Amino acid sequence: MGELDSIAVDPSTWRRGIGRMLMSTALHALMADGYREAVLWTLTGYEQGKRLYESMGWHLEGSARAEGRQIRYRRGLASARR
């Protein structure tokens, strides 16, 4: 199981494809290392990030840590070539 922390970029660069490129690079690296699944932790109120993650195939799993300040997404990596 691979694990990522939030993918975040400066708000002044939002909507330019940078987050999507970072995520794609991370997913391909996990696949190259042989992982078949991954989890991603992100801040509970990080709506911009949630939209990116969900658009790239991540699904909210429901787990939380850090006293509820972070939530976990999960996805398979066979479809990382999006």
N, C-alpha and C. Protein backbone atom coordinates (compact mmCIF):
# COMPACT_ATOMS: atom_id res chain seq x y z
N MET A 1 0.85 -1.18 0.00
CA MET A 1 0.00 0.00 0.00
C MET A 1 0.89 1.24 0.00
N GLY A 2 0.79 2.06 -1.03
CA GLY A 2 1.51 3.32 -1.08
C GLY A 2 0.75 4.38 -0.30
N GLU A 3 1.45 5.40 0.11
CA GLU A 3 0.81 6.46 0.90
C GLU A 3 1.31 7.82 0.45
N LEU A 4 0.37 8.74 0.28
CA LEU A 4 0.69 10.12 -0.06
C LEU A 4 0.11 11.04 1.00
N ASP A 5 0.74 12.18 1.16
CA ASP A 5 0.15 13.23 1.95
C ASP A 5 -0.46 14.21 0.96
N SER A 6 -1.12 15.23 1.42
CA SER A 6 -1.79 16.17 0.53
C SER A 6 -0.88 16.63 -0.61
N ILE A 7 -1.47 16.75 -1.79
CA ILE A 7 -0.82 17.40 -2.92
C ILE A 7 -1.37 18.83 -2.89
N ALA A 8 -0.50 19.79 -2.69
CA ALA A 8 -0.96 21.17 -2.57
C ALA A 8 -0.03 22.09 -3.35
N VAL A 9 -0.63 23.08 -3.98
CA VAL A 9 0.14 24.11 -4.68
C VAL A 9 -0.34 25.47 -4.20
N ASP A 10 0.46 26.45 -4.41
CA ASP A 10 0.12 27.82 -4.01
C ASP A 10 -1.19 28.24 -4.69
N PRO A 11 -2.11 28.82 -3.94
CA PRO A 11 -3.39 29.23 -4.53
C PRO A 11 -3.25 30.13 -5.76
N SER A 12 -2.18 30.89 -5.86
CA SER A 12 -2.01 31.77 -7.03
C SER A 12 -1.75 30.97 -8.30
N THR A 13 -1.47 29.66 -8.16
CA THR A 13 -1.21 28.82 -9.34
C THR A 13 -2.32 27.79 -9.58
N TRP A 14 -3.42 27.88 -8.82
CA TRP A 14 -4.53 26.95 -9.01
C TRP A 14 -5.08 27.04 -10.43
N ARG A 15 -5.64 25.93 -10.88
CA ARG A 15 -6.33 25.82 -12.18
C ARG A 15 -5.36 25.93 -13.36
N ARG A 16 -4.12 25.55 -13.14
CA ARG A 16 -3.12 25.55 -14.22
C ARG A 16 -2.59 24.15 -14.52
N GLY A 17 -3.12 23.14 -13.85
CA GLY A 17 -2.71 21.77 -14.10
C GLY A 17 -1.51 21.30 -13.30
N ILE A 18 -1.01 22.14 -12.41
CA ILE A 18 0.18 21.78 -11.64
C ILE A 18 -0.13 20.66 -10.65
N GLY A 19 -1.22 20.77 -9.94
CA GLY A 19 -1.61 19.72 -8.99
C GLY A 19 -1.84 18.39 -9.69
N ARG A 20 -2.48 18.43 -10.84
CA ARG A 20 -2.73 17.22 -11.62
C ARG A 20 -1.41 16.58 -12.07
N MET A 21 -0.45 17.42 -12.50
CA MET A 21 0.87 16.89 -12.89
C MET A 21 1.59 16.27 -11.70
N LEU A 22 1.55 16.95 -10.54
CA LEU A 22 2.19 16.40 -9.35
C LEU A 22 1.57 15.06 -8.96
N MET A 23 0.24 15.00 -8.99
CA MET A 23 -0.44 13.76 -8.64
C MET A 23 -0.11 12.65 -9.62
N SER A 24 -0.13 12.94 -10.90
CA SER A 24 0.20 11.93 -11.90
C SER A 24 1.62 11.40 -11.70
N THR A 25 2.55 12.29 -11.42
CA THR A 25 3.93 11.88 -11.18
C THR A 25 4.02 10.97 -9.96
N ALA A 26 3.34 11.33 -8.89
CA ALA A 26 3.35 10.52 -7.67
C ALA A 26 2.73 9.15 -7.92
N LEU A 27 1.61 9.10 -8.64
CA LEU A 27 0.95 7.83 -8.92
C LEU A 27 1.82 6.92 -9.77
N HIS A 28 2.47 7.48 -10.77
CA HIS A 28 3.34 6.68 -11.62
C HIS A 28 4.56 6.16 -10.84
N ALA A 29 5.07 6.96 -9.92
CA ALA A 29 6.19 6.51 -9.09
C ALA A 29 5.76 5.35 -8.19
N LEU A 30 4.57 5.45 -7.63
CA LEU A 30 4.06 4.35 -6.79
C LEU A 30 3.88 3.08 -7.62
N MET A 31 3.35 3.23 -8.83
CA MET A 31 3.18 2.06 -9.70
C MET A 31 4.53 1.46 -10.07
N ALA A 32 5.51 2.30 -10.37
CA ALA A 32 6.84 1.82 -10.73
C ALA A 32 7.48 1.06 -9.57
N ASP A 33 7.12 1.43 -8.36
CA ASP A 33 7.64 0.74 -7.17
C ASP A 33 6.84 -0.52 -6.83
N GLY A 34 5.82 -0.81 -7.63
CA GLY A 34 5.09 -2.05 -7.46
C GLY A 34 3.83 -1.98 -6.61
N TYR A 35 3.44 -0.79 -6.19
CA TYR A 35 2.22 -0.67 -5.39
C TYR A 35 0.98 -0.84 -6.28
N ARG A 36 -0.03 -1.49 -5.74
CA ARG A 36 -1.29 -1.69 -6.47
C ARG A 36 -2.41 -0.83 -5.93
N GLU A 37 -2.23 -0.32 -4.74
CA GLU A 37 -3.22 0.56 -4.10
C GLU A 37 -2.48 1.67 -3.38
N ALA A 38 -3.21 2.76 -3.15
CA ALA A 38 -2.61 3.86 -2.40
C ALA A 38 -3.66 4.54 -1.54
N VAL A 39 -3.20 5.14 -0.47
CA VAL A 39 -4.04 6.01 0.36
C VAL A 39 -3.43 7.39 0.33
N LEU A 40 -4.27 8.36 0.54
CA LEU A 40 -3.86 9.76 0.54
C LEU A 40 -4.52 10.45 1.73
N TRP A 41 -3.73 11.12 2.52
CA TRP A 41 -4.26 11.89 3.65
C TRP A 41 -4.31 13.36 3.26
N THR A 42 -5.41 14.01 3.61
CA THR A 42 -5.55 15.43 3.32
C THR A 42 -6.30 16.11 4.46
N LEU A 43 -6.18 17.41 4.51
CA LEU A 43 -6.87 18.18 5.55
C LEU A 43 -8.38 18.10 5.36
N THR A 44 -9.09 18.01 6.44
CA THR A 44 -10.55 17.85 6.41
C THR A 44 -11.23 18.95 5.60
N GLY A 45 -10.83 20.19 5.74
CA GLY A 45 -11.51 21.29 5.06
C GLY A 45 -10.86 21.73 3.76
N TYR A 46 -10.00 20.92 3.16
CA TYR A 46 -9.27 21.31 1.96
C TYR A 46 -10.10 20.98 0.71
N GLU A 47 -11.10 21.81 0.44
CA GLU A 47 -12.07 21.54 -0.63
C GLU A 47 -11.43 21.53 -2.01
N GLN A 48 -10.49 22.43 -2.27
CA GLN A 48 -9.83 22.47 -3.58
C GLN A 48 -9.11 21.15 -3.84
N GLY A 49 -8.40 20.66 -2.83
CA GLY A 49 -7.71 19.39 -2.96
C GLY A 49 -8.68 18.23 -3.16
N LYS A 50 -9.76 18.23 -2.40
CA LYS A 50 -10.75 17.14 -2.51
C LYS A 50 -11.29 17.05 -3.94
N ARG A 51 -11.55 18.19 -4.55
CA ARG A 51 -12.06 18.18 -5.93
C ARG A 51 -11.03 17.57 -6.88
N LEU A 52 -9.77 17.93 -6.70
CA LEU A 52 -8.71 17.36 -7.54
C LEU A 52 -8.63 15.85 -7.33
N TYR A 53 -8.55 15.42 -6.08
CA TYR A 53 -8.39 13.99 -5.79
C TYR A 53 -9.54 13.18 -6.38
N GLU A 54 -10.77 13.64 -6.16
CA GLU A 54 -11.92 12.90 -6.66
C GLU A 54 -11.96 12.87 -8.18
N SER A 55 -11.53 13.95 -8.82
CA SER A 55 -11.50 13.97 -10.28
C SER A 55 -10.45 13.02 -10.84
N MET A 56 -9.49 12.62 -10.00
CA MET A 56 -8.42 11.72 -10.43
C MET A 56 -8.61 10.30 -9.90
N GLY A 57 -9.84 9.98 -9.49
CA GLY A 57 -10.16 8.61 -9.13
C GLY A 57 -10.02 8.22 -7.68
N TRP A 58 -9.72 9.16 -6.80
CA TRP A 58 -9.63 8.86 -5.38
C TRP A 58 -11.03 8.83 -4.79
N HIS A 59 -11.24 7.96 -3.80
CA HIS A 59 -12.55 7.84 -3.14
C HIS A 59 -12.36 8.01 -1.64
N LEU A 60 -13.18 8.86 -1.06
CA LEU A 60 -13.13 9.09 0.37
C LEU A 60 -13.40 7.78 1.10
N GLU A 61 -12.49 7.41 1.97
CA GLU A 61 -12.59 6.13 2.66
C GLU A 61 -13.32 6.25 3.99
N GLY A 62 -13.20 7.38 4.64
CA GLY A 62 -13.89 7.58 5.90
C GLY A 62 -13.00 7.54 7.13
N SER A 63 -11.76 7.08 6.99
CA SER A 63 -10.84 7.08 8.12
C SER A 63 -10.37 8.50 8.41
N ALA A 64 -10.03 8.75 9.66
CA ALA A 64 -9.53 10.07 10.06
C ALA A 64 -8.36 9.88 11.02
N ARG A 65 -7.53 10.89 11.11
CA ARG A 65 -6.42 10.91 12.08
C ARG A 65 -6.20 12.35 12.51
N ALA A 66 -5.25 12.53 13.39
CA ALA A 66 -4.92 13.86 13.91
C ALA A 66 -6.16 14.54 14.49
N GLU A 67 -6.86 13.77 15.34
CA GLU A 67 -8.06 14.27 16.01
C GLU A 67 -9.10 14.80 15.02
N GLY A 68 -9.21 14.12 13.87
CA GLY A 68 -10.21 14.47 12.87
C GLY A 68 -9.80 15.56 11.90
N ARG A 69 -8.58 16.04 12.01
CA ARG A 69 -8.14 17.12 11.12
C ARG A 69 -7.72 16.62 9.74
N GLN A 70 -7.47 15.32 9.61
CA GLN A 70 -7.10 14.74 8.32
C GLN A 70 -8.02 13.56 8.01
N ILE A 71 -8.37 13.43 6.72
CA ILE A 71 -9.21 12.34 6.26
C ILE A 71 -8.44 11.55 5.19
N ARG A 72 -8.88 10.31 4.97
CA ARG A 72 -8.14 9.44 4.07
C ARG A 72 -8.96 9.07 2.83
N TYR A 73 -8.28 9.16 1.69
CA TYR A 73 -8.80 8.70 0.41
C TYR A 73 -8.04 7.44 0.02
N ARG A 74 -8.64 6.64 -0.85
CA ARG A 74 -8.02 5.41 -1.34
C ARG A 74 -8.31 5.27 -2.83
N ARG A 75 -7.39 4.61 -3.55
CA ARG A 75 -7.63 4.27 -4.94
C ARG A 75 -6.70 3.15 -5.37
N GLY A 76 -7.15 2.41 -6.37
CA GLY A 76 -6.29 1.43 -7.01
C GLY A 76 -5.35 2.15 -7.96
N LEU A 77 -4.25 1.51 -8.27
CA LEU A 77 -3.26 2.17 -9.12
C LEU A 77 -3.26 1.64 -10.55
N ALA A 78 -4.05 0.63 -10.85
CA ALA A 78 -4.10 0.13 -12.22
C ALA A 78 -4.61 1.19 -13.18
N SER A 79 -5.40 2.14 -12.66
CA SER A 79 -5.97 3.18 -13.52
C SER A 79 -5.23 4.51 -13.39
N ALA A 80 -3.98 4.48 -12.94
CA ALA A 80 -3.24 5.74 -12.71
C ALA A 80 -2.85 6.43 -14.01
N ARG A 81 -2.98 5.78 -15.13
CA ARG A 81 -2.60 6.40 -16.40
C ARG A 81 -3.75 7.24 -16.95
N ARG A 82 -4.25 8.19 -16.18
CA ARG A 82 -5.36 9.04 -16.59
C ARG A 82 -4.83 10.34 -17.12
